[in-house]
Protein backbone atom coordinates (compact mmCIF):
# COMPACT_ATOMS: atom_id res chain seq x y z
CA MET A 1 98.92 120.35 104.53
CA GLN A 2 96.70 118.08 106.66
CA TRP A 3 98.21 114.72 105.76
CA ASN A 4 101.44 112.77 105.76
CA SER A 5 101.41 110.34 102.84
CA GLU A 6 102.96 106.91 102.55
CA VAL A 7 102.46 104.85 99.38
CA TRP A 8 103.20 101.16 99.05
CA ILE A 9 103.03 98.85 96.04
CA LYS A 10 102.50 95.10 96.10
CA SER A 11 105.67 93.16 95.44
CA ILE A 12 104.37 91.48 92.26
CA PHE A 13 103.27 94.78 90.76
CA ARG A 14 106.53 96.41 91.85
CA ALA A 15 108.48 93.72 89.99
CA LEU A 16 106.35 94.24 86.88
CA VAL A 17 106.96 98.00 87.08
CA ILE A 18 110.72 97.44 87.30
CA PHE A 19 110.73 95.15 84.27
CA SER A 20 108.07 97.05 82.29
CA PRO A 21 110.65 98.95 80.14
CA LEU A 22 112.28 95.64 79.23
CA ILE A 23 108.90 94.08 78.41
CA LEU A 24 108.04 97.11 76.30
CA LEU A 25 111.32 96.96 74.35
CA ILE A 26 111.10 93.21 73.74
CA GLY A 27 107.56 93.57 72.46
CA PHE A 28 108.55 96.46 70.20
CA TYR A 29 111.70 94.96 68.65
CA ARG A 30 110.36 91.40 68.42
CA ASN A 31 107.03 92.69 67.13
CA ILE A 32 105.16 90.89 69.90
CA SER A 33 102.08 93.05 70.38
CA PHE A 34 100.98 91.30 73.57
CA LEU A 35 104.23 92.13 75.38
CA PHE A 36 104.22 95.65 74.00
CA LEU A 37 100.66 96.30 75.19
CA LEU A 38 101.44 94.64 78.53
CA GLY A 39 104.39 96.98 79.05
CA LEU A 40 102.24 100.00 78.21
CA ALA A 41 99.48 98.80 80.57
CA ILE A 42 101.92 98.36 83.45
CA ILE A 43 103.38 101.83 82.94
CA PHE A 44 99.88 103.31 82.65
CA LEU A 45 98.72 101.62 85.85
CA TYR A 46 101.83 102.77 87.69
CA GLY A 47 101.27 106.34 86.52
CA THR A 48 97.65 106.11 87.62
CA VAL A 49 98.73 104.96 91.09
CA LEU A 50 101.12 107.89 91.44
CA LEU A 51 98.52 110.36 90.18
CA GLN A 52 95.86 109.03 92.57
CA SER A 53 98.20 109.21 95.56
CA ARG A 54 99.15 112.81 94.75
CA SER A 55 95.51 113.76 94.17
CA ALA A 56 94.38 112.15 97.43
CA LEU A 57 97.02 114.04 99.37
CA ASN A 58 95.82 117.38 98.00
CA GLU A 59 92.09 116.83 97.45
CA ILE A 60 90.86 115.07 100.61
CA VAL A 61 90.09 117.55 103.39
CA LEU A 62 89.26 116.62 106.98
CA ASP A 63 86.61 118.70 108.75
CA THR A 64 88.17 119.94 112.02
CA THR A 65 85.09 121.27 113.80
CA LYS A 66 85.63 120.91 117.55
CA GLN A 67 83.57 118.23 119.30
CA VAL A 68 83.41 117.72 123.07
CA HIS A 69 81.14 115.07 124.56
CA ARG A 70 80.47 114.92 128.32
CA LEU A 71 78.56 112.01 129.80
CA PHE A 72 78.31 109.54 132.68
CA PRO A 73 79.20 105.83 132.57
CA GLY A 74 76.48 103.90 130.77
CA ASP A 75 75.40 106.86 128.63
CA THR A 76 75.49 106.64 124.83
CA ASP A 77 76.46 109.35 122.37
CA GLN A 78 78.12 109.69 118.97
CA PHE A 79 80.81 111.73 117.25
CA TYR A 80 81.57 112.05 113.57
CA VAL A 81 84.47 112.17 111.13
CA LYS A 82 83.73 114.22 108.02
CA LEU A 83 85.80 114.07 104.81
CA LEU A 84 85.46 116.51 101.90
CA HIS A 85 86.50 115.84 98.28
CA ASN A 86 87.40 119.14 96.62
CA GLY A 87 89.22 117.83 93.53
CA ARG A 88 88.66 116.10 90.19
CA TRP A 89 89.61 112.50 90.90
CA PRO A 90 86.46 110.35 90.47
CA SER A 91 86.45 108.66 93.89
CA TYR A 92 88.49 107.37 96.80
CA ARG A 93 87.74 104.20 98.72
CA GLY A 94 89.35 102.52 101.67
CA GLU A 95 89.38 102.38 105.45
CA LEU A 96 89.08 105.10 108.06
CA ILE A 97 91.22 104.18 111.08
CA PHE A 98 91.51 105.88 114.48
CA THR A 99 92.27 104.96 118.09
CA HIS A 100 90.75 105.82 121.46
CA ARG A 101 91.28 104.98 125.13
CA THR A 102 89.18 102.61 127.22
CA PRO A 103 86.72 105.07 128.89
CA ILE A 104 84.47 104.44 125.89
CA GLU A 105 83.43 101.49 123.76
CA VAL A 106 82.61 102.06 120.10
CA ILE A 107 79.46 100.22 119.05
CA GLY A 108 77.96 99.34 115.68
CA ASN A 109 79.39 97.71 112.58
CA GLY A 110 83.13 97.76 112.12
CA GLU A 111 86.32 96.31 113.51
CA SER A 112 87.82 97.19 116.92
CA ASN A 113 91.09 95.74 118.19
CA PRO A 114 93.33 96.53 121.18
CA THR A 115 96.81 97.87 120.43
CA ALA A 116 100.12 97.35 122.22
CA LYS A 117 99.92 100.85 123.74
CA GLY A 118 96.65 100.15 125.55
CA ARG A 119 94.44 101.96 123.06
CA ILE A 120 91.64 100.56 120.91
CA GLU A 121 91.98 100.73 117.12
CA VAL A 122 88.76 101.15 115.16
CA LYS A 123 88.32 100.61 111.41
CA ARG A 124 85.45 101.80 109.24
CA GLN A 125 84.96 101.67 105.46
CA PHE A 126 84.60 104.91 103.51
CA ALA A 127 83.80 105.95 99.94
CA LEU A 128 84.36 109.55 98.89
CA TYR A 129 83.14 110.82 95.51
CA ARG A 130 84.12 113.91 93.56
CA GLN A 131 82.86 117.24 94.96
CA THR A 132 80.95 115.52 97.78
CA ALA A 133 81.38 114.87 101.50
CA PHE A 134 81.50 111.64 103.47
CA THR A 135 80.46 111.62 107.13
CA GLN A 136 81.21 108.63 109.32
CA THR A 137 79.05 108.69 112.45
CA VAL A 138 80.56 106.71 115.30
CA PRO A 139 78.22 105.76 118.18
CA PHE A 140 79.82 104.87 121.49
CA THR A 141 79.00 103.99 125.09
CA ALA A 142 80.81 105.44 128.10
CA THR A 143 82.21 102.58 130.18
CA ARG A 144 84.21 104.19 133.00
CA ARG A 145 85.53 107.50 134.33
CA GLY A 146 88.23 109.17 132.27
CA THR A 147 88.90 111.14 129.11
CA THR A 148 89.94 110.19 125.63
CA ARG A 149 90.80 111.93 122.42
CA ILE A 150 90.26 110.46 118.99
CA SER A 151 93.82 110.13 117.74
CA ASN A 152 96.05 108.43 115.15
CA LEU A 153 93.46 109.21 112.50
CA THR A 154 94.52 107.60 109.22
CA LEU A 155 92.96 106.95 105.82
CA GLN A 156 93.97 103.77 104.01
CA VAL A 157 93.21 104.59 100.37
CA ASN A 158 93.11 101.64 97.96
CA ASP A 159 93.24 101.62 94.18
CA PRO A 160 90.44 99.80 92.29
CA LEU A 161 92.68 96.85 91.34
CA SER A 162 94.22 96.55 94.83
CA LEU A 163 97.71 96.74 93.34
CA SER A 164 98.84 99.42 95.78
CA GLY A 165 97.75 101.40 98.79
CA GLN A 166 98.23 104.77 100.42
CA ALA A 167 98.20 105.77 104.09
CA LEU A 168 97.18 109.36 104.81
CA ALA A 169 98.00 110.11 108.45
CA TYR A 170 96.45 113.27 109.89
CA THR A 171 99.25 115.55 111.08
CA GLY A 172 97.31 117.58 113.64
CA ILE A 173 95.33 116.80 116.78
CA PHE A 174 91.84 115.75 115.78
CA PRO A 175 89.62 118.12 117.84
CA THR A 176 87.31 115.53 119.35
CA GLU A 177 87.40 114.79 123.07
CA ILE A 178 85.15 112.60 125.19
CA VAL A 179 84.89 113.25 128.93
CA VAL A 180 83.31 110.55 131.09
CA TYR A 181 82.33 111.82 134.52
CA PRO A 182 82.67 109.60 137.59
CA ARG A 183 79.62 107.58 138.53
CA PRO A 184 78.23 109.15 141.76
CA LEU A 185 78.18 106.70 144.70
CA PRO A 186 76.02 107.64 147.72
CA VAL A 187 77.48 108.83 151.02
CA GLN A 188 75.31 108.24 154.05
CA ARG A 189 74.61 111.11 156.49
CA ILE A 190 75.69 113.81 154.02
CA GLU A 191 72.15 115.20 154.23
CA HIS A 192 72.76 115.98 157.94
CA LEU A 193 75.16 118.73 156.90
CA PHE A 194 72.52 120.51 154.84
CA SER A 195 70.92 122.11 157.90
CA GLN A 196 74.26 122.72 159.63
CA GLY A 197 76.53 124.09 156.96
CA SER A 198 74.74 126.09 154.31
CA GLY A 199 74.23 129.79 153.75
CA GLU A 200 75.32 132.42 156.27
CA ALA A 201 75.22 132.56 160.05
CA VAL A 202 75.34 135.56 162.37
CA ARG A 203 78.38 135.46 164.65
CA PRO A 204 79.37 138.33 166.95
CA PHE A 205 83.10 137.69 166.55
CA ALA A 206 83.11 137.39 162.75
CA LEU A 207 85.32 139.59 160.60
CA PHE A 208 82.85 140.65 157.92
CA GLU A 209 79.65 142.70 157.88
CA ASN A 210 76.64 141.73 155.81
CA VAL A 211 75.11 144.94 154.42
CA SER A 212 71.84 143.09 153.78
CA LEU A 213 71.39 142.55 157.54
CA PRO A 214 71.14 146.00 159.24
CA ALA A 215 71.41 145.89 163.04
CA GLY A 216 70.77 149.56 163.91
CA ASN A 217 73.00 152.62 164.27
CA ARG A 218 75.54 154.17 166.63
CA ASP A 219 77.34 157.48 167.15
CA TYR A 220 79.77 158.41 164.43
CA SER A 221 83.45 157.66 165.12
CA PRO A 222 86.45 159.13 163.29
CA GLY A 223 87.46 156.75 160.54
CA ASP A 224 83.94 155.53 159.73
CA SER A 225 83.31 155.29 156.00
CA PHE A 226 81.25 158.14 154.52
CA HIS A 227 78.84 155.75 152.78
CA LYS A 228 77.97 154.15 156.17
CA ILE A 229 76.49 157.36 157.61
CA HIS A 230 72.82 156.87 158.52
CA TRP A 231 71.35 160.17 157.29
CA LYS A 232 67.80 159.64 158.55
CA ALA A 233 69.02 158.78 162.06
CA THR A 234 71.39 161.76 161.90
CA ALA A 235 68.48 164.08 161.07
CA ARG A 236 66.39 162.72 163.94
CA SER A 237 69.13 162.84 166.57
CA GLY A 238 70.94 165.96 165.46
CA SER A 239 74.34 164.20 165.54
CA LEU A 240 76.12 162.02 163.01
CA GLN A 241 75.06 158.38 163.18
CA THR A 242 76.75 155.36 161.55
CA LYS A 243 74.94 152.30 160.23
CA VAL A 244 75.64 149.01 162.03
CA PHE A 245 75.34 145.65 160.25
CA GLU A 246 75.32 142.08 161.48
CA LYS A 247 78.70 140.40 161.36
CA THR A 248 78.61 137.12 159.52
CA VAL A 249 80.70 134.24 158.36
CA VAL A 250 79.88 132.46 155.12
CA PHE A 251 79.37 128.72 155.40
CA HIS A 252 80.54 126.65 152.47
CA TRP A 253 81.68 123.08 152.04
CA THR A 254 85.28 122.19 151.32
CA PHE A 255 85.95 118.73 149.91
CA VAL A 256 89.54 117.54 150.34
CA TYR A 257 90.77 114.44 148.53
CA THR A 258 94.25 113.42 149.65
CA ILE A 259 96.53 110.66 148.41
CA LEU A 260 99.84 110.01 150.13
CA PRO A 261 102.80 109.87 147.73
CA ASP A 262 104.09 106.59 149.16
CA HIS A 263 100.63 105.04 148.99
CA LYS A 264 99.94 106.12 145.43
CA GLU A 265 100.83 102.79 143.87
CA MET A 266 99.58 100.73 146.82
CA LYS A 267 96.02 102.06 146.68
CA SER A 268 94.00 99.86 144.37
CA LEU A 269 92.41 101.32 141.27
CA GLU A 270 88.99 100.29 142.56
CA ASP A 271 89.52 102.16 145.85
CA MET A 272 90.53 105.33 144.00
CA GLU A 273 87.54 105.10 141.69
CA ASN A 274 85.17 104.63 144.64
CA GLU A 275 86.63 107.62 146.48
CA ILE A 276 86.30 109.81 143.40
CA SER A 277 82.72 108.57 142.91
CA HIS A 278 81.85 109.44 146.53
CA LEU A 279 83.32 112.90 146.00
CA ALA A 280 81.26 113.32 142.83
CA TYR A 281 78.10 112.38 144.75
CA MET A 282 78.73 114.95 147.49
CA CYS A 283 79.48 117.69 144.95
CA GLN A 284 76.26 116.81 143.14
CA PHE A 285 74.33 116.91 146.42
CA ALA A 286 75.75 120.33 147.32
CA ALA A 287 74.95 121.72 143.87
CA GLU A 288 71.36 120.47 144.02
CA LYS A 289 70.88 122.06 147.47
CA GLY A 290 72.42 125.37 146.39
CA ILE A 291 75.32 125.06 148.85
CA PRO A 292 78.57 126.81 147.83
CA PHE A 293 81.48 124.37 147.76
CA GLU A 294 85.09 124.03 146.67
CA VAL A 295 87.42 121.11 146.02
CA PHE A 296 91.07 120.53 146.89
CA ILE A 297 93.02 117.53 145.54
CA ASN A 298 96.75 117.13 146.08
CA PHE A 299 97.53 116.54 142.41
CA LYS A 300 99.96 119.04 140.95
CA VAL A 301 98.52 121.19 138.16
CA PRO A 302 99.64 124.54 136.69
CA GLY A 303 98.18 127.59 138.38
CA PRO A 304 98.56 129.94 141.35
CA MET A 305 97.78 127.20 143.90
CA GLY A 306 100.18 124.73 142.30
CA MET A 307 97.65 121.94 142.79
CA TYR A 308 94.10 121.04 141.84
CA HIS A 309 91.71 123.56 143.38
CA VAL A 310 88.30 124.68 142.18
CA PRO A 311 87.34 127.86 144.11
CA THR A 312 84.04 128.19 145.93
CA GLY A 313 81.00 128.32 143.70
CA SER A 314 77.58 126.78 143.22
CA GLY A 315 75.16 125.74 140.53
CA PRO A 316 75.28 123.37 137.55
CA ILE A 317 78.14 125.11 135.72
CA HIS A 318 80.33 124.91 138.82
CA LEU A 319 79.40 121.25 139.26
CA SER A 320 80.18 120.48 135.61
CA SER A 321 83.62 122.08 135.97
CA ILE A 322 84.42 119.92 139.00
CA LEU A 323 83.10 116.71 137.46
CA GLU A 324 85.29 117.32 134.42
CA GLY A 325 88.28 117.84 136.70
CA LEU A 326 87.51 114.57 138.47
CA ALA A 327 87.27 112.82 135.10
CA ARG A 328 90.83 113.95 134.30
CA ILE A 329 92.42 112.55 137.47
CA ASP A 330 94.96 109.89 136.60
CA ARG A 331 97.19 107.68 138.71
CA SER A 332 100.19 109.13 136.90
CA ASN A 333 99.56 112.65 138.26
CA VAL A 334 102.35 114.16 140.36
CA ILE A 335 101.43 114.41 144.05
CA VAL A 336 101.71 117.51 146.26
CA LYS A 337 102.64 116.81 149.89
CA PRO A 338 99.44 116.83 151.99
CA GLN A 339 100.83 119.28 154.57
CA ILE A 340 101.51 121.84 151.83
CA MET A 341 97.91 121.53 150.65
CA TRP A 342 96.48 121.87 154.17
CA ASN A 343 98.54 125.00 154.87
CA LYS A 344 97.26 126.60 151.66
CA MET A 345 93.73 125.63 152.64
CA ASP A 346 94.21 127.31 156.02
CA ARG A 347 95.18 130.59 154.36
CA ASN A 348 92.13 130.25 152.16
CA PHE A 349 89.80 129.87 155.16
CA ILE A 350 90.45 133.32 156.68
CA GLY A 351 87.13 134.92 157.62
CA THR A 352 85.06 131.77 157.09
CA SER A 353 83.73 128.89 159.15
CA PRO A 354 84.81 125.98 156.98
CA PHE A 355 82.94 122.72 156.69
CA VAL A 356 85.78 120.41 155.67
CA ILE A 357 85.18 116.87 154.45
CA PHE A 358 88.23 114.64 154.00
CA LEU A 359 88.43 111.71 151.58
CA GLY A 360 91.31 109.35 150.93
CA HIS A 361 94.08 109.87 153.47
CA ILE A 362 92.72 111.19 156.78
CA PRO A 363 95.19 113.56 158.53
CA ILE A 364 96.26 112.45 162.02
CA ASP A 365 99.68 114.10 162.40
CA PRO A 366 100.16 116.85 165.07
CA ASN A 367 100.43 119.73 162.58
CA SER A 368 97.15 118.78 160.96
CA GLN A 369 95.49 118.45 164.36
CA ILE A 370 96.49 122.04 165.18
CA LEU A 371 94.91 123.33 161.96
CA ILE A 372 91.71 121.34 162.41
CA LYS A 373 91.26 122.58 165.99
CA LYS A 374 91.89 126.12 164.76
CA TRP A 375 89.10 125.73 162.20
CA SER A 376 86.84 124.35 164.92
CA ARG A 377 87.45 127.36 167.18
CA SER A 378 86.37 129.68 164.35
CA GLY A 379 83.06 127.83 164.13
CA GLY A 380 84.04 125.33 161.46
CA ARG A 381 83.32 121.62 161.35
CA THR A 382 85.50 118.77 160.10
CA PHE A 383 84.37 115.38 158.82
CA TYR A 384 85.80 112.43 156.96
CA ILE A 385 84.42 109.67 154.76
CA GLU A 386 84.70 106.14 156.07
CA HIS A 387 84.01 103.57 153.38
CA ASN A 388 84.23 99.87 152.72
CA GLU A 389 83.08 97.56 149.94
CA GLU A 390 79.40 98.05 150.82
CA HIS A 391 78.89 101.73 151.64
CA ALA A 392 80.42 105.08 152.59
CA ILE A 393 79.39 107.10 155.62
CA LEU A 394 80.12 110.64 156.81
CA MET A 395 81.86 110.65 160.20
CA PRO A 396 82.77 113.57 162.51
CA TYR A 397 86.50 114.12 162.83
CA LEU A 398 86.47 115.50 166.40
CA SER A 399 84.79 113.67 169.27
CA SER A 400 82.99 116.88 170.25
CA GLU A 401 81.05 116.75 166.98
CA VAL A 402 79.69 113.23 167.38
CA ALA A 403 76.34 114.22 168.84
CA SER A 404 75.37 116.57 166.02
CA CYS A 405 76.24 114.14 163.24
């Protein structure tokens, strides 16, 4: 059953219902037709109320088609609530009530009021007739980063004489979610990295061979893979020859957003929102330029990493996944210690030349310095975002990188 039902009766009508048998008996024995008919009318109305409430509970069906809306602040969209009447009762009228969080603002006719729990309660009128459907379209505007579900969905069903009412509370989770991405805020100098840290680069000391970049052949050595034998060169030379490929490292960008546990409550909401918006801008820039990138954030989430990590990828689908993750960041998230995150990042960087960009807390402790210098020796680069109220700018982490940024 989709609904929990609660029926209430107005106090005056309740009193009449209680005394209706007495009114009926007095009218019958005293031969007072008015009282007798009044008693019958009260009992009939009460029976009608009970029958309507039972019918509404069984006959009104909520359409539970999944709806997910993804948009940026300032965008407008709409969701719907659809009710089906599959029974015989002539009609149901009343109010459709639901709540949502503040990332959106419902627009159009209707009543919206804040609740004590920080949600917004919205009321809309509905009329549902026998064997028909009623669809309430709800337009809304995204106001700020975040997510919200449409919850506490309730139908307030009234009887025609307004003598009673019924609340039908939906028992499940209404499958409508709205995801508001962060508003991208520009980061100056990020375009300088496009020529430095994208694609692949040939490096003689790298660990991996790129089979698309042949470099020649050499004499066969025991242990060489069979599929690497260069048969044409073998035929020409008369001895086994092995293919040689360029050794490469793959350049990709790694965005690292770090919040210190003891600074979590001290950092203003505006500062956090700006940092997330700068991160969204850089992810968007990388996706548009076709640069592979990944994101680390020291918020604890279920998974093998034990924290928020989107592996290296590129393209619009990868970007959409990251923007949705950024939309779900909340100040109440549990924090992973930064050093734990950086150590896991280091293990993830084996065989690559990482381009690391720090946001939020910038690591300056000795252990972090050792890791960053290690990444630099492998050909990587490290940067951080310096921002104030007016702008954000990409800065080199090590003094040796100043000239190229």
